[in-house]
Amino acid sequence: MYFSNIENETLSNNFFRKVLFTGKNLQLVVMSLNAGEDIGEEVHEHVDQFFRIESGSAKFIVDGKEIIAEKDEVVIVNAGSKHNVINIGTDSLKLYTIYAPPNHPDGTINKDKKEAEEYEKHHH
């Protein structure tokens, strides 16, 4: 079981990626992107991904289609879709995301994007 105030958890997170919970069928992760930073274009072949923006402005590019998402808005990316998320605001972009099924080892913390990229090279 997992319980928290997800808005507080998301807004207080300053790490690029922090896994909060990993279950059999889903995984909850908070993310913080600096101004101008992106997640990096990726495809999860077998993972649906839910995103909710808690603060900031994000440009989602999903299979070539652009969507601007703001606070309290949700974007769901279907498995197999090429996607990227870019912080287009001047402040940190704070979001949480749910992977179904899980995508990262339980307990993963990547303090910044560089650390995340190094981690991805060695674990995928």
PDB file of N, CA and C in Angstrom:
ATOM      1  N   MET A   1       0.840  -1.185   0.000  1.00  0.00           N
ATOM      2  CA  MET A   1       0.000   0.000   0.000  1.00  0.00           C
ATOM      3  C   MET A   1       0.880   1.242   0.000  1.00  0.00           C
ATOM      4  N   TYR A   2       0.382   2.295  -0.587  1.00  0.00           N
ATOM      5  CA  TYR A   2       1.093   3.576  -0.608  1.00  0.00           C
ATOM      6  C   TYR A   2       0.082   4.667  -0.336  1.00  0.00           C
ATOM      7  N   PHE A   3       0.461   5.662   0.466  1.00  0.00           N
ATOM      8  CA  PHE A   3      -0.422   6.790   0.755  1.00  0.00           C
ATOM      9  C   PHE A   3       0.416   8.048   0.885  1.00  0.00           C
ATOM     10  N   SER A   4      -0.013   9.135   0.243  1.00  0.00           N
ATOM     11  CA  SER A   4       0.640  10.435   0.428  1.00  0.00           C
ATOM     12  C   SER A   4      -0.242  11.529  -0.143  1.00  0.00           C
ATOM     13  N   ASN A   5       0.114  12.768   0.149  1.00  0.00           N
ATOM     14  CA  ASN A   5      -0.482  13.909  -0.544  1.00  0.00           C
ATOM     15  C   ASN A   5       0.366  14.102  -1.797  1.00  0.00           C
ATOM     16  N   ILE A   6      -0.139  13.623  -2.924  1.00  0.00           N
ATOM     17  CA  ILE A   6       0.677  13.584  -4.144  1.00  0.00           C
ATOM     18  C   ILE A   6       1.042  14.990  -4.637  1.00  0.00           C
ATOM     19  N   GLU A   7       0.179  15.966  -4.403  1.00  0.00           N
ATOM     20  CA  GLU A   7       0.509  17.333  -4.813  1.00  0.00           C
ATOM     21  C   GLU A   7       1.727  17.839  -4.028  1.00  0.00           C
ATOM     22  N   ASN A   8       1.712  17.665  -2.705  1.00  0.00           N
ATOM     23  CA  ASN A   8       2.862  18.082  -1.884  1.00  0.00           C
ATOM     24  C   ASN A   8       4.118  17.318  -2.271  1.00  0.00           C
ATOM     25  N   GLU A   9       3.966  16.015  -2.458  1.00  0.00           N
ATOM     26  CA  GLU A   9       5.087  15.137  -2.828  1.00  0.00           C
ATOM     27  C   GLU A   9       5.719  15.622  -4.144  1.00  0.00           C
ATOM     28  N   THR A  10       4.874  15.993  -5.104  1.00  0.00           N
ATOM     29  CA  THR A  10       5.344  16.439  -6.424  1.00  0.00           C
ATOM     30  C   THR A  10       6.002  17.809  -6.346  1.00  0.00           C
ATOM     31  N   LEU A  11       5.343  18.737  -5.657  1.00  0.00           N
ATOM     32  CA  LEU A  11       5.854  20.107  -5.594  1.00  0.00           C
ATOM     33  C   LEU A  11       7.147  20.214  -4.784  1.00  0.00           C
ATOM     34  N   SER A  12       7.338  19.337  -3.802  1.00  0.00           N
ATOM     35  CA  SER A  12       8.547  19.418  -2.969  1.00  0.00           C
ATOM     36  C   SER A  12       9.724  18.645  -3.573  1.00  0.00           C
ATOM     37  N   ASN A  13       9.480  17.867  -4.626  1.00  0.00           N
ATOM     38  CA  ASN A  13      10.552  17.100  -5.263  1.00  0.00           C
ATOM     39  C   ASN A  13      11.418  17.997  -6.149  1.00  0.00           C
ATOM     40  N   ASN A  14      12.742  17.896  -5.954  1.00  0.00           N
ATOM     41  CA  ASN A  14      13.663  18.643  -6.824  1.00  0.00           C
ATOM     42  C   ASN A  14      14.550  17.726  -7.655  1.00  0.00           C
ATOM     43  N   PHE A  15      14.305  16.423  -7.594  1.00  0.00           N
ATOM     44  CA  PHE A  15      15.073  15.477  -8.402  1.00  0.00           C
ATOM     45  C   PHE A  15      14.450  15.332  -9.780  1.00  0.00           C
ATOM     46  N   PHE A  16      15.293  15.071 -10.777  1.00  0.00           N
ATOM     47  CA  PHE A  16      14.797  14.824 -12.128  1.00  0.00           C
ATOM     48  C   PHE A  16      13.786  13.682 -12.114  1.00  0.00           C
ATOM     49  N   ARG A  17      14.139  12.594 -11.423  1.00  0.00           N
ATOM     50  CA  ARG A  17      13.238  11.438 -11.355  1.00  0.00           C
ATOM     51  C   ARG A  17      13.358  10.790  -9.975  1.00  0.00           C
ATOM     52  N   LYS A  18      12.208  10.500  -9.368  1.00  0.00           N
ATOM     53  CA  LYS A  18      12.209   9.817  -8.072  1.00  0.00           C
ATOM     54  C   LYS A  18      11.027   8.854  -8.030  1.00  0.00           C
ATOM     55  N   VAL A  19      11.323   7.569  -7.927  1.00  0.00           N
ATOM     56  CA  VAL A  19      10.274   6.547  -7.840  1.00  0.00           C
ATOM     57  C   VAL A  19       9.709   6.550  -6.416  1.00  0.00           C
ATOM     58  N   LEU A  20       8.384   6.733  -6.307  1.00  0.00           N
ATOM     59  CA  LEU A  20       7.728   6.738  -4.999  1.00  0.00           C
ATOM     60  C   LEU A  20       7.142   5.378  -4.647  1.00  0.00           C
ATOM     61  N   PHE A  21       6.631   4.684  -5.654  1.00  0.00           N
ATOM     62  CA  PHE A  21       5.968   3.407  -5.398  1.00  0.00           C
ATOM     63  C   PHE A  21       6.073   2.528  -6.631  1.00  0.00           C
ATOM     64  N   THR A  22       6.346   1.245  -6.401  1.00  0.00           N
ATOM     65  CA  THR A  22       6.348   0.273  -7.486  1.00  0.00           C
ATOM     66  C   THR A  22       5.478  -0.903  -7.071  1.00  0.00           C
ATOM     67  N   GLY A  23       4.418  -1.143  -7.838  1.00  0.00           N
ATOM     68  CA  GLY A  23       3.548  -2.293  -7.614  1.00  0.00           C
ATOM     69  C   GLY A  23       3.740  -3.302  -8.729  1.00  0.00           C
ATOM     70  N   LYS A  24       2.928  -4.333  -8.716  1.00  0.00           N
ATOM     71  CA  LYS A  24       3.023  -5.356  -9.759  1.00  0.00           C
ATOM     72  C   LYS A  24       2.641  -4.780 -11.125  1.00  0.00           C
ATOM     73  N   ASN A  25       1.621  -3.907 -11.150  1.00  0.00           N
ATOM     74  CA  ASN A  25       1.062  -3.442 -12.427  1.00  0.00           C
ATOM     75  C   ASN A  25       1.227  -1.957 -12.713  1.00  0.00           C
ATOM     76  N   LEU A  26       1.725  -1.188 -11.742  1.00  0.00           N
ATOM     77  CA  LEU A  26       1.945   0.234 -12.008  1.00  0.00           C
ATOM     78  C   LEU A  26       3.068   0.767 -11.144  1.00  0.00           C
ATOM     79  N   GLN A  27       3.542   1.952 -11.532  1.00  0.00           N
ATOM     80  CA  GLN A  27       4.636   2.602 -10.815  1.00  0.00           C
ATOM     81  C   GLN A  27       4.373   4.106 -10.780  1.00  0.00           C
ATOM     82  N   LEU A  28       4.557   4.705  -9.599  1.00  0.00           N
ATOM     83  CA  LEU A  28       4.344   6.139  -9.393  1.00  0.00           C
ATOM     84  C   LEU A  28       5.696   6.838  -9.254  1.00  0.00           C
ATOM     85  N   VAL A  29       5.902   7.875 -10.076  1.00  0.00           N
ATOM     86  CA  VAL A  29       7.182   8.574 -10.135  1.00  0.00           C
ATOM     87  C   VAL A  29       6.930  10.080 -10.152  1.00  0.00           C
ATOM     88  N   VAL A  30       7.699  10.842  -9.358  1.00  0.00           N
ATOM     89  CA  VAL A  30       7.654  12.304  -9.452  1.00  0.00           C
ATOM     90  C   VAL A  30       8.863  12.770 -10.245  1.00  0.00           C
ATOM     91  N   MET A  31       8.685  13.862 -10.987  1.00  0.00           N
ATOM     92  CA  MET A  31       9.756  14.418 -11.804  1.00  0.00           C
ATOM     93  C   MET A  31       9.788  15.933 -11.677  1.00  0.00           C
ATOM     94  N   SER A  32      10.983  16.500 -11.796  1.00  0.00           N
ATOM     95  CA  SER A  32      11.166  17.951 -11.815  1.00  0.00           C
ATOM     96  C   SER A  32      12.147  18.270 -12.939  1.00  0.00           C
ATOM     97  N   LEU A  33      11.696  19.071 -13.898  1.00  0.00           N
ATOM     98  CA  LEU A  33      12.540  19.451 -15.031  1.00  0.00           C
ATOM     99  C   LEU A  33      12.857  20.934 -14.938  1.00  0.00           C
ATOM    100  N   ASN A  34      14.122  21.278 -15.113  1.00  0.00           N
ATOM    101  CA  ASN A  34      14.534  22.678 -15.116  1.00  0.00           C
ATOM    102  C   ASN A  34      13.997  23.372 -16.369  1.00  0.00           C
ATOM    103  N   ALA A  35      13.965  24.699 -16.344  1.00  0.00           N
ATOM    104  CA  ALA A  35      13.521  25.481 -17.506  1.00  0.00           C
ATOM    105  C   ALA A  35      14.306  25.046 -18.739  1.00  0.00           C
ATOM    106  N   GLY A  36      13.589  24.745 -19.820  1.00  0.00           N
ATOM    107  CA  GLY A  36      14.219  24.354 -21.077  1.00  0.00           C
ATOM    108  C   GLY A  36      14.627  22.896 -21.166  1.00  0.00           C
ATOM    109  N   GLU A  37      14.537  22.175 -20.061  1.00  0.00           N
ATOM    110  CA  GLU A  37      14.965  20.771 -20.043  1.00  0.00           C
ATOM    111  C   GLU A  37      13.862  19.869 -20.594  1.00  0.00           C
ATOM    112  N   ASP A  38      14.270  18.726 -21.136  1.00  0.00           N
ATOM    113  CA  ASP A  38      13.281  17.751 -21.617  1.00  0.00           C
ATOM    114  C   ASP A  38      13.590  16.383 -21.023  1.00  0.00           C
ATOM    115  N   ILE A  39      12.619  15.490 -21.138  1.00  0.00           N
ATOM    116  CA  ILE A  39      12.806  14.118 -20.660  1.00  0.00           C
ATOM    117  C   ILE A  39      13.695  13.355 -21.634  1.00  0.00           C
ATOM    118  N   GLY A  40      13.574  13.691 -22.897  1.00  0.00           N
ATOM    119  CA  GLY A  40      14.298  12.972 -23.946  1.00  0.00           C
ATOM    120  C   GLY A  40      13.314  12.080 -24.690  1.00  0.00           C
ATOM    121  N   GLU A  41      13.374  12.128 -26.009  1.00  0.00           N
ATOM    122  CA  GLU A  41      12.430  11.348 -26.817  1.00  0.00           C
ATOM    123  C   GLU A  41      12.588   9.868 -26.515  1.00  0.00           C
ATOM    124  N   GLU A  42      11.471   9.196 -26.299  1.00  0.00           N
ATOM    125  CA  GLU A  42      11.516   7.777 -25.958  1.00  0.00           C
ATOM    126  C   GLU A  42      10.239   7.080 -26.403  1.00  0.00           C
ATOM    127  N   VAL A  43      10.324   5.754 -26.428  1.00  0.00           N
ATOM    128  CA  VAL A  43       9.176   4.901 -26.713  1.00  0.00           C
ATOM    129  C   VAL A  43       9.175   3.785 -25.683  1.00  0.00           C
ATOM    130  N   HIS A  44       8.037   3.579 -25.018  1.00  0.00           N
ATOM    131  CA  HIS A  44       7.880   2.420 -24.129  1.00  0.00           C
ATOM    132  C   HIS A  44       6.946   1.447 -24.845  1.00  0.00           C
ATOM    133  N   GLU A  45       7.489   0.381 -25.382  1.00  0.00           N
ATOM    134  CA  GLU A  45       6.704  -0.540 -26.210  1.00  0.00           C
ATOM    135  C   GLU A  45       5.522  -1.169 -25.473  1.00  0.00           C
ATOM    136  N   HIS A  46       5.701  -1.452 -24.180  1.00  0.00           N
ATOM    137  CA  HIS A  46       4.662  -2.196 -23.451  1.00  0.00           C
ATOM    138  C   HIS A  46       4.154  -1.449 -22.232  1.00  0.00           C
ATOM    139  N   VAL A  47       4.376  -0.132 -22.193  1.00  0.00           N
ATOM    140  CA  VAL A  47       4.011   0.649 -21.013  1.00  0.00           C
ATOM    141  C   VAL A  47       3.156   1.848 -21.407  1.00  0.00           C
ATOM    142  N   ASP A  48       1.935   1.925 -20.835  1.00  0.00           N
ATOM    143  CA  ASP A  48       1.127   3.141 -20.934  1.00  0.00           C
ATOM    144  C   ASP A  48       1.656   4.101 -19.872  1.00  0.00           C
ATOM    145  N   GLN A  49       1.605   5.418 -20.160  1.00  0.00           N
ATOM    146  CA  GLN A  49       2.152   6.388 -19.202  1.00  0.00           C
ATOM    147  C   GLN A  49       1.189   7.554 -19.024  1.00  0.00           C
ATOM    148  N   PHE A  50       0.821   7.793 -17.763  1.00  0.00           N
ATOM    149  CA  PHE A  50      -0.059   8.888 -17.350  1.00  0.00           C
ATOM    150  C   PHE A  50       0.822   9.999 -16.776  1.00  0.00           C
ATOM    151  N   PHE A  51       0.582  11.244 -17.194  1.00  0.00           N
ATOM    152  CA  PHE A  51       1.295  12.402 -16.653  1.00  0.00           C
ATOM    153  C   PHE A  51       0.288  13.401 -16.101  1.00  0.00           C
ATOM    154  N   ARG A  52       0.583  13.971 -14.940  1.00  0.00           N
ATOM    155  CA  ARG A  52      -0.208  15.092 -14.427  1.00  0.00           C
ATOM    156  C   ARG A  52       0.757  16.213 -14.053  1.00  0.00           C
ATOM    157  N   ILE A  53       0.454  17.409 -14.549  1.00  0.00           N
ATOM    158  CA  ILE A  53       1.272  18.586 -14.269  1.00  0.00           C
ATOM    159  C   ILE A  53       0.775  19.226 -12.974  1.00  0.00           C
ATOM    160  N   GLU A  54       1.689  19.424 -12.023  1.00  0.00           N
ATOM    161  CA  GLU A  54       1.333  20.114 -10.772  1.00  0.00           C
ATOM    162  C   GLU A  54       1.753  21.579 -10.797  1.00  0.00           C
ATOM    163  N   SER A  55       2.850  21.913 -11.489  1.00  0.00           N
ATOM    164  CA  SER A  55       3.208  23.314 -11.684  1.00  0.00           C
ATOM    165  C   SER A  55       4.111  23.438 -12.898  1.00  0.00           C
ATOM    166  N   GLY A  56       3.993  24.592 -13.568  1.00  0.00           N
ATOM    167  CA  GLY A  56       4.785  24.841 -14.761  1.00  0.00           C
ATOM    168  C   GLY A  56       4.000  24.586 -16.037  1.00  0.00           C
ATOM    169  N   SER A  57       4.717  24.671 -17.153  1.00  0.00           N
ATOM    170  CA  SER A  57       4.129  24.472 -18.482  1.00  0.00           C
ATOM    171  C   SER A  57       4.966  23.454 -19.245  1.00  0.00           C
ATOM    172  N   ALA A  58       4.285  22.507 -19.858  1.00  0.00           N
ATOM    173  CA  ALA A  58       4.981  21.442 -20.578  1.00  0.00           C
ATOM    174  C   ALA A  58       4.496  21.370 -22.013  1.00  0.00           C
ATOM    175  N   LYS A  59       5.448  21.117 -22.908  1.00  0.00           N
ATOM    176  CA  LYS A  59       5.078  20.763 -24.277  1.00  0.00           C
ATOM    177  C   LYS A  59       5.296  19.260 -24.404  1.00  0.00           C
ATOM    178  N   PHE A  60       4.227  18.554 -24.723  1.00  0.00           N
ATOM    179  CA  PHE A  60       4.309  17.125 -25.000  1.00  0.00           C
ATOM    180  C   PHE A  60       4.341  16.963 -26.505  1.00  0.00           C
ATOM    181  N   ILE A  61       5.245  16.142 -26.996  1.00  0.00           N
ATOM    182  CA  ILE A  61       5.248  15.767 -28.414  1.00  0.00           C
ATOM    183  C   ILE A  61       5.021  14.259 -28.434  1.00  0.00           C
ATOM    184  N   VAL A  62       3.861  13.866 -28.946  1.00  0.00           N
ATOM    185  CA  VAL A  62       3.466  12.454 -28.961  1.00  0.00           C
ATOM    186  C   VAL A  62       3.200  12.054 -30.401  1.00  0.00           C
ATOM    187  N   ASP A  63       4.034  11.166 -30.925  1.00  0.00           N
ATOM    188  CA  ASP A  63       3.933  10.745 -32.329  1.00  0.00           C
ATOM    189  C   ASP A  63       3.803  11.952 -33.260  1.00  0.00           C
ATOM    190  N   GLY A  64       4.601  12.994 -32.985  1.00  0.00           N
ATOM    191  CA  GLY A  64       4.643  14.175 -33.848  1.00  0.00           C
ATOM    192  C   GLY A  64       3.596  15.232 -33.542  1.00  0.00           C
ATOM    193  N   LYS A  65       2.619  14.935 -32.692  1.00  0.00           N
ATOM    194  CA  LYS A  65       1.574  15.906 -32.336  1.00  0.00           C
ATOM    195  C   LYS A  65       1.983  16.661 -31.082  1.00  0.00           C
ATOM    196  N   GLU A  66       1.843  18.001 -31.116  1.00  0.00           N
ATOM    197  CA  GLU A  66       2.242  18.818 -29.967  1.00  0.00           C
ATOM    198  C   GLU A  66       1.037  19.210 -29.122  1.00  0.00           C
ATOM    199  N   ILE A  67       1.208  19.115 -27.807  1.00  0.00           N
ATOM    200  CA  ILE A  67       0.173  19.484 -26.846  1.00  0.00           C
ATOM    201  C   ILE A  67       0.843  20.326 -25.773  1.00  0.00           C
ATOM    202  N   ILE A  68       0.232  21.444 -25.397  1.00  0.00           N
ATOM    203  CA  ILE A  68       0.725  22.235 -24.270  1.00  0.00           C
ATOM    204  C   ILE A  68      -0.138  21.868 -23.061  1.00  0.00           C
ATOM    205  N   ALA A  69       0.509  21.459 -21.971  1.00  0.00           N
ATOM    206  CA  ALA A  69      -0.198  21.080 -20.754  1.00  0.00           C
ATOM    207  C   ALA A  69       0.255  21.964 -19.602  1.00  0.00           C
ATOM    208  N   GLU A  70      -0.727  22.420 -18.826  1.00  0.00           N
ATOM    209  CA  GLU A  70      -0.479  23.311 -17.692  1.00  0.00           C
ATOM    210  C   GLU A  70      -0.903  22.624 -16.399  1.00  0.00           C
ATOM    211  N   LYS A  71      -0.744  23.349 -15.293  1.00  0.00           N
ATOM    212  CA  LYS A  71      -1.123  22.856 -13.964  1.00  0.00           C
ATOM    213  C   LYS A  71      -2.498  22.189 -13.984  1.00  0.00           C
ATOM    214  N   ASP A  72      -2.585  21.039 -13.332  1.00  0.00           N
ATOM    215  CA  ASP A  72      -3.823  20.257 -13.172  1.00  0.00           C
ATOM    216  C   ASP A  72      -4.263  19.520 -14.431  1.00  0.00           C
ATOM    217  N   GLU A  73      -3.499  19.614 -15.506  1.00  0.00           N
ATOM    218  CA  GLU A  73      -3.874  18.907 -16.730  1.00  0.00           C
ATOM    219  C   GLU A  73      -3.128  17.585 -16.833  1.00  0.00           C
ATOM    220  N   VAL A  74      -3.754  16.677 -17.561  1.00  0.00           N
ATOM    221  CA  VAL A  74      -3.273  15.299 -17.679  1.00  0.00           C
ATOM    222  C   VAL A  74      -3.052  14.948 -19.146  1.00  0.00           C
ATOM    223  N   VAL A  75      -1.972  14.217 -19.404  1.00  0.00           N
ATOM    224  CA  VAL A  75      -1.720  13.641 -20.723  1.00  0.00           C
ATOM    225  C   VAL A  75      -1.424  12.157 -20.504  1.00  0.00           C
ATOM    226  N   ILE A  76      -2.047  11.306 -21.316  1.00  0.00           N
ATOM    227  CA  ILE A  76      -1.754   9.872 -21.262  1.00  0.00           C
ATOM    228  C   ILE A  76      -1.155   9.459 -22.601  1.00  0.00           C
ATOM    229  N   VAL A  77       0.007   8.815 -22.510  1.00  0.00           N
ATOM    230  CA  VAL A  77       0.722   8.370 -23.704  1.00  0.00           C
ATOM    231  C   VAL A  77       0.560   6.852 -23.807  1.00  0.00           C
ATOM    232  N   ASN A  78       0.003   6.409 -24.930  1.00  0.00           N
ATOM    233  CA  ASN A  78      -0.202   4.972 -25.147  1.00  0.00           C
ATOM    234  C   ASN A  78       1.127   4.256 -25.364  1.00  0.00           C
ATOM    235  N   ALA A  79       1.178   3.013 -24.937  1.00  0.00           N
ATOM    236  CA  ALA A  79       2.343   2.166 -25.196  1.00  0.00           C
ATOM    237  C   ALA A  79       2.658   2.197 -26.691  1.00  0.00           C
ATOM    238  N   GLY A  80       3.954   2.256 -27.016  1.00  0.00           N
ATOM    239  CA  GLY A  80       4.383   2.247 -28.413  1.00  0.00           C
ATOM    240  C   GLY A  80       4.449   3.615 -29.058  1.00  0.00           C
ATOM    241  N   SER A  81       4.004   4.672 -28.346  1.00  0.00           N
ATOM    242  CA  SER A  81       4.046   6.029 -28.909  1.00  0.00           C
ATOM    243  C   SER A  81       5.389   6.688 -28.625  1.00  0.00           C
ATOM    244  N   LYS A  82       5.964   7.312 -29.670  1.00  0.00           N
ATOM    245  CA  LYS A  82       7.187   8.085 -29.491  1.00  0.00           C
ATOM    246  C   LYS A  82       6.786   9.387 -28.794  1.00  0.00           C
ATOM    247  N   HIS A  83       7.470   9.707 -27.685  1.00  0.00           N
ATOM    248  CA  HIS A  83       7.065  10.897 -26.940  1.00  0.00           C
ATOM    249  C   HIS A  83       8.246  11.606 -26.286  1.00  0.00           C
ATOM    250  N   ASN A  84       8.030  12.899 -26.036  1.00  0.00           N
ATOM    251  CA  ASN A  84       8.976  13.705 -25.286  1.00  0.00           C
ATOM    252  C   ASN A  84       8.171  14.734 -24.506  1.00  0.00           C
ATOM    253  N   VAL A  85       8.738  15.190 -23.385  1.00  0.00           N
ATOM    254  CA  VAL A  85       8.130  16.237 -22.567  1.00  0.00           C
ATOM    255  C   VAL A  85       9.187  17.306 -22.362  1.00  0.00           C
ATOM    256  N   ILE A  86       8.826  18.552 -22.684  1.00  0.00           N
ATOM    257  CA  ILE A  86       9.771  19.667 -22.627  1.00  0.00           C
ATOM    258  C   ILE A  86       9.204  20.731 -21.692  1.00  0.00           C
ATOM    259  N   ASN A  87      10.043  21.218 -20.773  1.00  0.00           N
ATOM    260  CA  ASN A  87       9.627  22.321 -19.911  1.00  0.00           C
ATOM    261  C   ASN A  87       9.755  23.612 -20.707  1.00  0.00           C
ATOM    262  N   ILE A  88       8.620  24.225 -21.042  1.00  0.00           N
ATOM    263  CA  ILE A  88       8.636  25.451 -21.839  1.00  0.00           C
ATOM    264  C   ILE A  88       8.439  26.695 -20.970  1.00  0.00           C
ATOM    265  N   GLY A  89       8.356  26.494 -19.650  1.00  0.00           N
ATOM    266  CA  GLY A  89       8.198  27.621 -18.731  1.00  0.00           C
ATOM    267  C   GLY A  89       9.539  28.157 -18.261  1.00  0.00           C
ATOM    268  N   THR A  90       9.476  29.162 -17.379  1.00  0.00           N
ATOM    269  CA  THR A  90      10.696  29.775 -16.839  1.00  0.00           C
ATOM    270  C   THR A  90      11.046  29.187 -15.476  1.00  0.00           C
ATOM    271  N   ASP A  91      10.111  28.457 -14.856  1.00  0.00           N
ATOM    272  CA  ASP A  91      10.353  27.802 -13.564  1.00  0.00           C
ATOM    273  C   ASP A  91      10.430  26.293 -13.774  1.00  0.00           C
ATOM    274  N   SER A  92      10.725  25.576 -12.701  1.00  0.00           N
ATOM    275  CA  SER A  92      10.745  24.114 -12.768  1.00  0.00           C
ATOM    276  C   SER A  92       9.373  23.573 -13.151  1.00  0.00           C
ATOM    277  N   LEU A  93       9.387  22.527 -13.957  1.00  0.00           N
ATOM    278  CA  LEU A  93       8.165  21.785 -14.301  1.00  0.00           C
ATOM    279  C   LEU A  93       8.059  20.632 -13.312  1.00  0.00           C
ATOM    280  N   LYS A  94       6.963  20.610 -12.559  1.00  0.00           N
ATOM    281  CA  LYS A  94       6.753  19.565 -11.551  1.00  0.00           C
ATOM    282  C   LYS A  94       5.602  18.690 -12.017  1.00  0.00           C
ATOM    283  N   LEU A  95       5.867  17.403 -12.141  1.00  0.00           N
ATOM    284  CA  LEU A  95       4.828  16.492 -12.595  1.00  0.00           C
ATOM    285  C   LEU A  95       4.961  15.164 -11.881  1.00  0.00           C
ATOM    286  N   TYR A  96       3.869  14.409 -11.906  1.00  0.00           N
ATOM    287  CA  TYR A  96       3.995  13.009 -11.523  1.00  0.00           C
ATOM    288  C   TYR A  96       3.503  12.167 -12.667  1.00  0.00           C
ATOM    289  N   THR A  97       4.039  10.971 -12.734  1.00  0.00           N
ATOM    290  CA  THR A  97       3.717  10.082 -13.834  1.00  0.00           C
ATOM    291  C   THR A  97       3.479   8.677 -13.295  1.00  0.00           C
ATOM    292  N   ILE A  98       2.560   7.985 -13.927  1.00  0.00           N
ATOM    293  CA  ILE A  98       2.269   6.600 -13.569  1.00  0.00           C
ATOM    294  C   ILE A  98       2.554   5.732 -14.786  1.00  0.00           C
ATOM    295  N   TYR A  99       3.447   4.771 -14.591  1.00  0.00           N
ATOM    296  CA  TYR A  99       3.766   3.791 -15.632  1.00  0.00           C
ATOM    297  C   TYR A  99       2.962   2.529 -15.355  1.00  0.00           C
ATOM    298  N   ALA A 100       2.367   1.966 -16.391  1.00  0.00           N
ATOM    299  CA  ALA A 100       1.633   0.709 -16.235  1.00  0.00           C
ATOM    300  C   ALA A 100       1.984  -0.213 -17.403  1.00  0.00           C
ATOM    301  N   PRO A 101       2.722  -1.281 -17.169  1.00  0.00           N
ATOM    302  CA  PRO A 101       3.351  -1.720 -15.914  1.00  0.00           C
ATOM    303  C   PRO A 101       4.567  -0.870 -15.567  1.00  0.00           C
ATOM    304  N   PRO A 102       5.234  -1.144 -14.408  1.00  0.00           N
ATOM    305  CA  PRO A 102       6.411  -0.371 -14.003  1.00  0.00           C
ATOM    306  C   PRO A 102       7.505  -0.344 -15.069  1.00  0.00           C
ATOM    307  N   ASN A 103       8.296   0.746 -15.049  1.00  0.00           N
ATOM    308  CA  ASN A 103       9.335   0.947 -16.053  1.00  0.00           C
ATOM    309  C   ASN A 103      10.737   1.082 -15.461  1.00  0.00           C
ATOM    310  N   HIS A 104      10.842   1.412 -14.177  1.00  0.00           N
ATOM    311  CA  HIS A 104      12.142   1.616 -13.530  1.00  0.00           C
ATOM    312  C   HIS A 104      12.263   0.706 -12.304  1.00  0.00           C
ATOM    313  N   PRO A 105      13.477   0.318 -11.929  1.00  0.00           N
ATOM    314  CA  PRO A 105      13.640  -0.452 -10.692  1.00  0.00           C
ATOM    315  C   PRO A 105      13.113   0.333  -9.490  1.00  0.00           C
ATOM    316  N   ASP A 106      12.485  -0.360  -8.546  1.00  0.00           N
ATOM    317  CA  ASP A 106      11.945   0.281  -7.354  1.00  0.00           C
ATOM    318  C   ASP A 106      13.035   1.070  -6.646  1.00  0.00           C
ATOM    319  N   GLY A 107      12.687   2.260  -6.163  1.00  0.00           N
ATOM    320  CA  GLY A 107      13.637   3.070  -5.408  1.00  0.00           C
ATOM    321  C   GLY A 107      14.554   3.935  -6.256  1.00  0.00           C
ATOM    322  N   THR A 108      14.401   3.907  -7.576  1.00  0.00           N
ATOM    323  CA  THR A 108      15.270   4.701  -8.457  1.00  0.00           C
ATOM    324  C   THR A 108      15.157   6.188  -8.143  1.00  0.00           C
ATOM    325  N   ILE A 109      16.306   6.839  -7.972  1.00  0.00           N
ATOM    326  CA  ILE A 109      16.378   8.300  -7.864  1.00  0.00           C
ATOM    327  C   ILE A 109      17.465   8.763  -8.816  1.00  0.00           C
ATOM    328  N   ASN A 110      17.117   9.661  -9.745  1.00  0.00           N
ATOM    329  CA  ASN A 110      18.103  10.306 -10.611  1.00  0.00           C
ATOM    330  C   ASN A 110      18.046  11.788 -10.261  1.00  0.00           C
ATOM    331  N   LYS A 111      19.123  12.306  -9.662  1.00  0.00           N
ATOM    332  CA  LYS A 111      19.109  13.681  -9.148  1.00  0.00           C
ATOM    333  C   LYS A 111      18.969  14.720 -10.258  1.00  0.00           C
ATOM    334  N   ASP A 112      19.527  14.421 -11.436  1.00  0.00           N
ATOM    335  CA  ASP A 112      19.416  15.348 -12.560  1.00  0.00           C
ATOM    336  C   ASP A 112      19.384  14.558 -13.857  1.00  0.00           C
ATOM    337  N   LYS A 113      19.194  15.272 -14.969  1.00  0.00           N
ATOM    338  CA  LYS A 113      19.041  14.598 -16.256  1.00  0.00           C
ATOM    339  C   LYS A 113      20.309  13.841 -16.650  1.00  0.00           C
ATOM    340  N   LYS A 114      21.471  14.424 -16.371  1.00  0.00           N
ATOM    341  CA  LYS A 114      22.741  13.772 -16.717  1.00  0.00           C
ATOM    342  C   LYS A 114      22.839  12.417 -16.003  1.00  0.00           C
ATOM    343  N   GLU A 115      22.510  12.399 -14.722  1.00  0.00           N
ATOM    344  CA  GLU A 115      22.535  11.153 -13.955  1.00  0.00           C
ATOM    345  C   GLU A 115      21.522  10.155 -14.533  1.00  0.00           C
ATOM    346  N   ALA A 116      20.368  10.653 -14.944  1.00  0.00           N
ATOM    347  CA  ALA A 116      19.335   9.790 -15.533  1.00  0.00           C
ATOM    348  C   ALA A 116      19.837   9.162 -16.834  1.00  0.00           C
ATOM    349  N   GLU A 117      20.517   9.956 -17.653  1.00  0.00           N
ATOM    350  CA  GLU A 117      21.030   9.442 -18.934  1.00  0.00           C
ATOM    351  C   GLU A 117      22.095   8.373 -18.709  1.00  0.00           C
ATOM    352  N   GLU A 118      22.990   8.597 -17.734  1.00  0.00           N
ATOM    353  CA  GLU A 118      24.006   7.596 -17.392  1.00  0.00           C
ATOM    354  C   GLU A 118      23.339   6.308 -16.919  1.00  0.00           C
ATOM    355  N   TYR A 119      22.334   6.465 -16.079  1.00  0.00           N
ATOM    356  CA  TYR A 119      21.603   5.341 -15.527  1.00  0.00           C
ATOM    357  C   TYR A 119      20.931   4.516 -16.640  1.00  0.00           C
ATOM    358  N   GLU A 120      20.281   5.233 -17.592  1.00  0.00           N
ATOM    359  CA  GLU A 120      19.589   4.557 -18.692  1.00  0.00           C
ATOM    360  C   GLU A 120      20.568   3.744 -19.533  1.00  0.00           C
ATOM    361  N   LYS A 121      21.764   4.268 -19.759  1.00  0.00           N
ATOM    362  CA  LYS A 121      22.790   3.562 -20.552  1.00  0.00           C
ATOM    363  C   LYS A 121      23.131   2.212 -19.937  1.00  0.00           C
ATOM    364  N   HIS A 122      23.157   2.156 -18.614  1.00  0.00           N
ATOM    365  CA  HIS A 122      23.593   0.944 -17.930  1.00  0.00           C
ATOM    366  C   HIS A 122      22.479   0.000 -17.517  1.00  0.00           C
ATOM    367  N   HIS A 123      21.223   0.465 -17.572  1.00  0.00           N
ATOM    368  CA  HIS A 123      20.112  -0.367 -17.079  1.00  0.00           C
ATOM    369  C   HIS A 123      19.063  -0.701 -18.131  1.00  0.00           C
ATOM    370  N   HIS A 124      19.254  -0.260 -19.379  1.00  0.00           N
ATOM    371  CA  HIS A 124      18.255  -0.604 -20.407  1.00  0.00           C
ATOM    372  C   HIS A 124      18.940  -1.198 -21.623  1.00  0.00           C
TER     373      HIS A 124
END
